Amino acid sequence: MKTIILSICVLTVLSFSYCTHLPFKKCNIKRPNFEKCLSHAIQDVITQLDKPIPAMSLPSMDPWKLETLNLDIGNASEGLQQIWRNVTVRGFSKPTATDARWTPGSVITLDLAVSYDCAIVFTTEYEAHGAVLLLPVDVVTSFRCDFVKGGKIKVTYKIQKPKKANGHFKLISTKVVFEPKKVKFNVSEFFENQSLTAALNSEMNKNWEGSWNVLSAFVGVYDPFFDALLRGVLEKFPADQIVGGLD
């Protein structure tokens, strides 16, 4: 009986330890290699996010999913009312490099540049109503957008520093910017005339940078997602468990 009780106690301690320690190396802010260490640590977490990380209360980010997004361009006579459903993104957990920059202060700026060489693929069910160049559009179809040569995801976090090392960082704001190297678009059956749809795809891909800029408002939906990723960690763990050398 004593052996059983002892075994239960050991398992309990091990479980508690697993649940309350971050599953990556803690970096010391006072050391000269801090930003390099932080870059490696963050990339290590990203590569693990092809599945949830329960110890950090982090969901999987590959695939990343969004149920519904409304995005309007122009007005009813010269624009499109768009509904994007079942938005799915694959490739977020496969970065080739991560660069973290930490600007200290009472409000800390954490800049992340996460680089990808592999494709990042956005797929969605697409509904649009309105007009393009006076051509009527009333369609429910599929839409796909590929970062065919990868690119960068840049995230800027503003973080309130706690007064005590064992306090909690507080996330103030999050801003996300996507910088693809090249984008390929494919929308199916946008017009009843398939030749027009083929021409639309061709023009979008010829001028992919301009097409991406038009869709840049779409990127704003990722701010809350990347915000939630860090916010959950900061709220769960004291600052001195996340970063060393704060005292």
Protein backbone atom coordinates (compact mmCIF):
# COMPACT_ATOMS: atom_id res chain seq x y z
CA MET A 1 0.00 0.00 0.00
CA LYS A 2 2.84 2.43 0.87
CA THR A 3 4.44 1.66 -2.51
CA ILE A 4 1.19 2.46 -4.32
CA ILE A 5 0.72 5.73 -2.41
CA LEU A 6 4.35 6.70 -3.09
CA SER A 7 3.91 5.95 -6.81
CA ILE A 8 0.76 8.08 -6.96
CA CYS A 9 2.57 10.96 -5.23
CA VAL A 10 5.49 10.76 -7.67
CA LEU A 11 3.16 10.71 -10.68
CA THR A 12 1.24 13.66 -9.27
CA VAL A 13 4.42 15.69 -8.80
CA LEU A 14 5.62 14.82 -12.32
CA SER A 15 2.25 15.75 -13.82
CA PHE A 16 2.18 19.06 -11.97
CA SER A 17 5.73 19.80 -13.10
CA TYR A 18 4.82 19.06 -16.73
CA CYS A 19 1.77 21.29 -16.59
CA THR A 20 3.50 24.27 -15.05
CA HIS A 21 6.77 24.45 -17.01
CA LEU A 22 7.10 25.77 -20.52
CA PRO A 23 8.21 23.09 -23.01
CA PHE A 24 11.09 25.13 -24.43
CA LYS A 25 14.34 26.68 -23.25
CA LYS A 26 13.99 29.78 -21.05
CA CYS A 27 16.25 32.60 -22.21
CA ASN A 28 18.00 35.08 -19.92
CA ILE A 29 17.49 38.74 -20.84
CA LYS A 30 20.83 39.72 -19.27
CA ARG A 31 22.90 37.51 -21.57
CA PRO A 32 24.26 38.80 -24.91
CA ASN A 33 22.74 35.91 -26.85
CA PHE A 34 19.23 36.57 -25.49
CA GLU A 35 17.55 37.44 -28.82
CA LYS A 36 19.21 34.49 -30.57
CA CYS A 37 18.07 32.17 -27.79
CA LEU A 38 14.56 33.66 -27.92
CA SER A 39 14.41 33.21 -31.71
CA HIS A 40 15.26 29.51 -31.40
CA ALA A 41 12.85 29.02 -28.51
CA ILE A 42 9.92 30.60 -30.38
CA GLN A 43 10.65 28.64 -33.54
CA ASP A 44 10.74 25.45 -31.48
CA VAL A 45 7.23 26.19 -30.22
CA ILE A 46 5.94 27.03 -33.72
CA THR A 47 7.20 23.73 -35.13
CA GLN A 48 5.34 21.89 -32.35
CA LEU A 49 2.03 23.55 -33.25
CA ASP A 50 1.03 20.99 -35.86
CA LYS A 51 -0.84 19.74 -32.80
CA PRO A 52 -2.03 21.42 -29.58
CA ILE A 53 0.44 21.96 -26.70
CA PRO A 54 -1.69 21.38 -23.57
CA ALA A 55 1.09 22.50 -21.19
CA MET A 56 0.86 25.98 -22.71
CA SER A 57 -2.86 25.93 -23.50
CA LEU A 58 -1.96 26.44 -27.15
CA PRO A 59 -4.17 25.18 -29.99
CA SER A 60 -2.87 23.69 -33.21
CA MET A 61 -2.04 26.33 -35.83
CA ASP A 62 -1.54 23.87 -38.70
CA PRO A 63 -4.10 23.70 -40.11
CA TRP A 64 -5.47 27.03 -38.89
CA LYS A 65 -9.21 27.45 -39.38
CA LEU A 66 -11.73 30.26 -39.38
CA GLU A 67 -15.44 29.54 -39.82
CA THR A 68 -16.67 32.78 -41.43
CA LEU A 69 -15.24 36.07 -42.65
CA ASN A 70 -17.13 38.96 -44.24
CA LEU A 71 -15.16 41.28 -46.51
CA ASP A 72 -16.69 44.04 -48.67
CA ILE A 73 -14.88 45.87 -51.46
CA GLY A 74 -16.47 48.96 -53.00
CA ASN A 75 -20.26 49.22 -53.05
CA ALA A 76 -23.20 47.20 -54.39
CA SER A 77 -22.93 48.59 -57.96
CA GLU A 78 -19.14 48.71 -58.31
CA GLY A 79 -17.78 46.23 -55.80
CA LEU A 80 -18.27 42.92 -54.08
CA GLN A 81 -19.94 41.74 -50.92
CA GLN A 82 -17.88 38.70 -50.00
CA ILE A 83 -18.35 35.87 -47.53
CA TRP A 84 -15.48 33.47 -46.89
CA ARG A 85 -16.44 30.22 -45.14
CA ASN A 86 -14.31 27.42 -43.74
CA VAL A 87 -11.07 29.34 -44.25
CA THR A 88 -8.18 26.90 -43.80
CA VAL A 89 -4.45 27.66 -43.81
CA ARG A 90 -1.76 25.00 -43.98
CA GLY A 91 1.99 25.45 -43.53
CA PHE A 92 2.24 27.75 -40.48
CA SER A 93 4.12 25.14 -38.42
CA LYS A 94 6.99 24.73 -40.92
CA PRO A 95 9.18 27.84 -40.64
CA THR A 96 12.75 27.82 -41.92
CA ALA A 97 13.89 30.66 -39.64
CA THR A 98 12.60 32.90 -36.87
CA ASP A 99 14.06 36.26 -35.89
CA ALA A 100 12.95 37.74 -32.57
CA ARG A 101 13.75 41.32 -31.55
CA TRP A 102 13.10 42.42 -27.97
CA THR A 103 13.02 46.16 -27.24
CA PRO A 104 12.98 46.62 -23.43
CA GLY A 105 11.08 49.25 -21.48
CA SER A 106 7.98 49.59 -19.33
CA VAL A 107 6.20 48.64 -22.55
CA ILE A 108 8.21 45.96 -24.36
CA THR A 109 8.12 45.60 -28.14
CA LEU A 110 8.54 42.04 -29.38
CA ASP A 111 9.04 41.88 -33.16
CA LEU A 112 8.91 38.47 -34.81
CA ALA A 113 9.81 37.71 -38.41
CA VAL A 114 8.98 34.08 -39.22
CA SER A 115 10.33 32.95 -42.61
CA TYR A 116 9.01 30.15 -44.81
CA ASP A 117 10.44 28.48 -47.92
CA CYS A 118 7.62 25.97 -48.25
CA ALA A 119 4.20 26.86 -49.63
CA ILE A 120 1.56 28.31 -47.33
CA VAL A 121 -1.87 27.42 -48.68
CA PHE A 122 -5.13 29.29 -48.02
CA THR A 123 -8.36 27.58 -49.10
CA THR A 124 -11.95 28.69 -48.56
CA GLU A 125 -15.52 28.42 -49.75
CA TYR A 126 -16.22 31.75 -51.40
CA GLU A 127 -19.47 33.65 -51.89
CA ALA A 128 -19.63 36.97 -53.74
CA HIS A 129 -22.40 39.35 -54.83
CA GLY A 130 -22.01 42.58 -56.79
CA ALA A 131 -20.15 43.54 -59.94
CA VAL A 132 -16.62 43.57 -61.38
CA LEU A 133 -16.07 46.01 -64.26
CA LEU A 134 -19.88 46.23 -64.60
CA LEU A 135 -20.10 42.43 -64.97
CA PRO A 136 -22.60 41.00 -62.48
CA VAL A 137 -21.30 38.52 -59.92
CA ASP A 138 -23.56 36.21 -57.93
CA VAL A 139 -21.59 33.13 -57.05
CA VAL A 140 -20.81 30.49 -54.44
CA THR A 141 -17.57 28.74 -55.34
CA SER A 142 -14.08 27.85 -54.08
CA PHE A 143 -11.02 30.06 -53.74
CA ARG A 144 -7.39 29.15 -53.21
CA CYS A 145 -4.36 31.32 -52.54
CA ASP A 146 -0.84 29.85 -52.42
CA PHE A 147 2.35 31.47 -51.17
CA VAL A 148 4.16 29.32 -53.71
CA LYS A 149 7.66 30.34 -52.57
CA GLY A 150 6.86 30.95 -48.94
CA GLY A 151 7.57 34.37 -47.47
CA LYS A 152 7.47 36.02 -44.06
CA ILE A 153 4.93 36.53 -41.34
CA LYS A 154 5.81 39.58 -39.25
CA VAL A 155 4.17 40.00 -35.86
CA THR A 156 4.63 42.99 -33.57
CA TYR A 157 3.57 42.58 -29.94
CA LYS A 158 3.36 45.40 -27.40
CA ILE A 159 3.69 43.98 -23.88
CA GLN A 160 3.35 45.66 -20.49
CA LYS A 161 6.22 44.69 -18.20
CA PRO A 162 5.18 43.62 -14.69
CA LYS A 163 6.44 45.54 -11.66
CA LYS A 164 7.73 42.32 -10.12
CA ALA A 165 9.50 39.43 -11.82
CA ASN A 166 6.93 36.96 -10.53
CA GLY A 167 4.08 39.07 -11.89
CA HIS A 168 2.55 38.61 -15.33
CA PHE A 169 3.34 40.25 -18.63
CA LYS A 170 0.24 41.91 -20.10
CA LEU A 171 -0.32 41.88 -23.85
CA ILE A 172 -1.40 45.34 -25.07
CA SER A 173 -1.62 44.92 -28.85
CA THR A 174 -0.82 42.63 -31.77
CA LYS A 175 -0.19 43.49 -35.42
CA VAL A 176 0.35 40.92 -38.18
CA VAL A 177 1.80 41.52 -41.66
CA PHE A 178 2.19 38.89 -44.40
CA GLU A 179 5.01 39.31 -46.94
CA PRO A 180 4.74 36.58 -49.59
CA LYS A 181 7.51 36.03 -52.16
CA LYS A 182 4.96 35.12 -54.81
CA VAL A 183 1.25 34.37 -54.73
CA LYS A 184 -0.84 32.16 -57.01
CA PHE A 185 -4.62 32.63 -57.03
CA ASN A 186 -7.28 30.24 -58.27
CA VAL A 187 -10.99 31.05 -58.10
CA SER A 188 -13.46 28.61 -59.67
CA GLU A 189 -16.58 29.56 -61.65
CA PHE A 190 -16.47 33.23 -60.70
CA PHE A 191 -18.38 34.20 -63.85
CA GLU A 192 -20.89 32.07 -65.75
CA ASN A 193 -18.55 32.42 -68.73
CA GLN A 194 -15.56 30.23 -67.88
CA SER A 195 -13.34 32.13 -70.30
CA LEU A 196 -13.89 35.23 -68.20
CA THR A 197 -13.04 33.28 -65.04
CA ALA A 198 -9.85 31.98 -66.67
CA ALA A 199 -8.96 35.52 -67.73
CA LEU A 200 -9.59 36.78 -64.18
CA ASN A 201 -7.24 34.15 -62.72
CA SER A 202 -4.63 34.96 -65.35
CA GLU A 203 -4.73 38.70 -64.64
CA MET A 204 -4.68 38.18 -60.87
CA ASN A 205 -1.60 36.00 -61.17
CA LYS A 206 0.18 38.34 -63.59
CA ASN A 207 -0.29 41.18 -61.14
CA TRP A 208 -0.15 39.07 -58.00
CA GLU A 209 1.29 41.86 -55.85
CA GLY A 210 -1.58 44.21 -56.70
CA SER A 211 -4.11 41.41 -56.20
CA TRP A 212 -2.62 40.60 -52.81
CA ASN A 213 -2.75 44.25 -51.79
CA VAL A 214 -6.47 44.31 -52.60
CA LEU A 215 -6.93 41.30 -50.33
CA SER A 216 -4.69 42.72 -47.60
CA ALA A 217 -7.73 43.51 -45.44
CA PHE A 218 -8.15 39.73 -45.22
CA VAL A 219 -4.88 39.56 -43.27
CA GLY A 220 -6.40 41.56 -40.40
CA VAL A 221 -8.35 38.50 -39.27
CA TYR A 222 -5.07 36.95 -38.13
CA ASP A 223 -4.35 39.65 -35.54
CA PRO A 224 -6.74 38.12 -32.96
CA PHE A 225 -5.38 34.62 -33.64
CA PHE A 226 -1.74 35.55 -33.04
CA ASP A 227 -2.86 37.73 -30.14
CA ALA A 228 -4.57 34.76 -28.48
CA LEU A 229 -1.50 32.54 -28.95
CA LEU A 230 0.73 34.78 -26.84
CA ARG A 231 -1.94 36.14 -24.51
CA GLY A 232 -2.80 32.66 -23.23
CA VAL A 233 0.84 31.97 -22.34
CA LEU A 234 1.36 35.35 -20.65
CA GLU A 235 -1.78 34.98 -18.57
CA LYS A 236 -0.95 31.42 -17.49
CA PHE A 237 2.74 31.77 -16.56
CA PRO A 238 4.54 34.37 -14.39
CA ALA A 239 7.06 36.51 -16.24
CA ASP A 240 10.09 34.94 -14.55
CA GLN A 241 9.03 31.50 -15.85
CA ILE A 242 8.95 32.82 -19.42
CA VAL A 243 12.11 34.98 -19.41
CA GLY A 244 15.10 34.79 -17.08
CA GLY A 245 17.05 37.69 -15.60
CA LEU A 246 14.09 40.00 -14.91
CA ASP A 247 14.98 40.54 -11.23
